[in-house]
Protein backbone atom coordinates (compact mmCIF):
# COMPACT_ATOMS: atom_id res chain seq x y z
CA UNK A 1 0.03 -0.01 0.00
CA UNK A 2 1.36 3.40 -0.96
CA UNK A 3 2.09 5.90 1.76
CA UNK A 4 0.37 9.25 1.41
CA UNK A 5 2.59 12.28 1.77
CA UNK A 6 1.80 15.97 1.74
CA UNK A 7 2.81 18.24 -1.14
CA UNK A 8 5.38 19.93 1.14
CA UNK A 9 6.99 16.63 2.02
CA UNK A 10 6.96 15.41 -1.59
CA UNK A 11 8.62 18.55 -2.97
CA UNK A 12 11.27 18.65 -0.23
CA UNK A 13 12.46 15.04 -0.61
CA UNK A 14 16.07 14.34 -1.46
CA UNK A 15 17.24 11.79 -3.98
CA UNK A 16 17.02 9.09 -1.27
CA UNK A 17 13.26 9.79 -0.95
CA UNK A 18 13.40 10.56 2.75
CA UNK A 19 11.37 13.56 3.82
CA UNK A 20 13.64 14.06 6.86
CA UNK A 21 16.54 15.02 4.51
CA UNK A 22 15.57 18.50 3.46
CA UNK A 23 16.71 19.87 0.12
CA UNK A 24 17.52 23.51 -0.23
CA UNK A 25 15.45 25.49 -2.70
CA UNK A 26 15.85 28.83 -4.46
CA UNK A 27 12.93 31.17 -4.61
CA UNK A 28 12.21 32.83 -8.01
CA UNK A 29 9.54 35.39 -8.86
CA UNK A 30 7.67 34.38 -12.01
CA UNK A 31 4.68 35.26 -14.11
CA UNK A 32 2.54 32.57 -15.79
CA UNK A 33 0.10 33.24 -18.63
CA UNK A 34 -2.67 30.65 -18.87
CA UNK A 35 -4.74 29.42 -21.83
CA UNK A 36 -7.80 31.45 -20.61
CA UNK A 37 -5.78 34.66 -20.65
CA UNK A 38 -5.43 34.92 -16.91
CA UNK A 39 -2.02 35.66 -15.35
CA UNK A 40 -0.49 34.40 -12.14
CA UNK A 41 2.49 36.12 -10.49
CA UNK A 42 4.22 34.64 -7.48
CA UNK A 43 7.08 32.67 -6.19
CA UNK A 44 8.18 29.19 -7.36
CA UNK A 45 10.75 27.10 -5.52
CA UNK A 46 13.44 25.40 -7.61
CA UNK A 47 16.48 23.27 -6.93
CA UNK A 48 19.78 25.22 -6.76
CA UNK A 49 21.41 25.38 -10.16
CA UNK A 50 18.27 24.58 -12.10
CA UNK A 51 16.29 26.97 -14.36
CA UNK A 52 12.74 28.14 -13.95
CA UNK A 53 11.99 26.66 -17.37
CA UNK A 54 12.96 23.24 -15.98
CA UNK A 55 9.69 23.28 -13.99
CA UNK A 56 7.82 22.77 -17.26
CA UNK A 57 10.07 19.92 -18.44
CA UNK A 58 9.73 17.77 -15.31
CA UNK A 59 7.42 15.04 -16.66
CA UNK A 60 6.77 13.51 -13.24
CA UNK A 61 4.83 16.60 -12.06
CA UNK A 62 1.59 17.79 -13.63
CA UNK A 63 1.35 20.93 -11.49
CA UNK A 64 3.59 23.78 -10.52
CA UNK A 65 3.30 25.11 -6.95
CA UNK A 66 3.21 28.96 -6.73
CA UNK A 67 3.27 30.75 -3.32
CA UNK A 68 2.57 34.36 -2.39
CA UNK A 69 0.65 34.62 -5.65
CA UNK A 70 -1.66 37.04 -7.37
CA UNK A 71 -4.10 35.76 -9.96
CA UNK A 72 -5.34 38.35 -12.48
CA UNK A 73 -8.14 38.11 -15.03
CA UNK A 74 -9.54 40.89 -17.17
CA UNK A 75 -12.07 41.61 -14.39
CA UNK A 76 -10.41 40.80 -11.09
CA UNK A 77 -7.19 40.42 -9.16
CA UNK A 78 -7.03 38.06 -6.20
CA UNK A 79 -4.10 37.39 -3.89
CA UNK A 80 -3.53 33.91 -2.55
CA UNK A 81 -0.83 32.31 -0.39
CA UNK A 82 -0.70 29.13 -2.55
CA UNK A 83 -1.96 27.90 -5.89
CA UNK A 84 -1.16 24.71 -7.79
CA UNK A 85 -1.16 25.41 -11.56
CA UNK A 86 -1.73 22.62 -14.05
CA UNK A 87 1.19 22.76 -16.51
CA UNK A 88 -1.08 21.84 -19.40
CA UNK A 89 -2.76 25.26 -19.01
CA UNK A 90 0.40 27.33 -19.13
CA UNK A 91 0.99 29.25 -22.34
CA UNK A 92 4.01 31.29 -21.17
CA UNK A 93 6.30 31.43 -18.17
CA UNK A 94 8.86 34.13 -17.50
CA UNK A 95 11.08 35.10 -14.64
CA UNK A 96 10.60 38.53 -13.12
CA UNK A 97 13.19 40.73 -11.41
CA UNK A 98 13.34 40.32 -7.61
CA UNK A 99 11.08 42.63 -5.64
């Protein structure tokens, strides 16, 4: 039977798969344009030495976690502390300058 783990534990696992071995992450400010025209701006957490673009290429993950985010449509803008974005809905991703 598979053990259930939280998203935080899953994304912080090392190559040995043990959640107790924390992996350092780099925070990057990004903007995502989605197929419906909405835009999400927030922070993604990547492995040191990797590129933001590598988030899209990781086949094992269908979603990208974005924290401290703002989701904007043509009518509204809503802040949220966390949003999981389905990679299949991303049209463009770009890195923004640090705040």
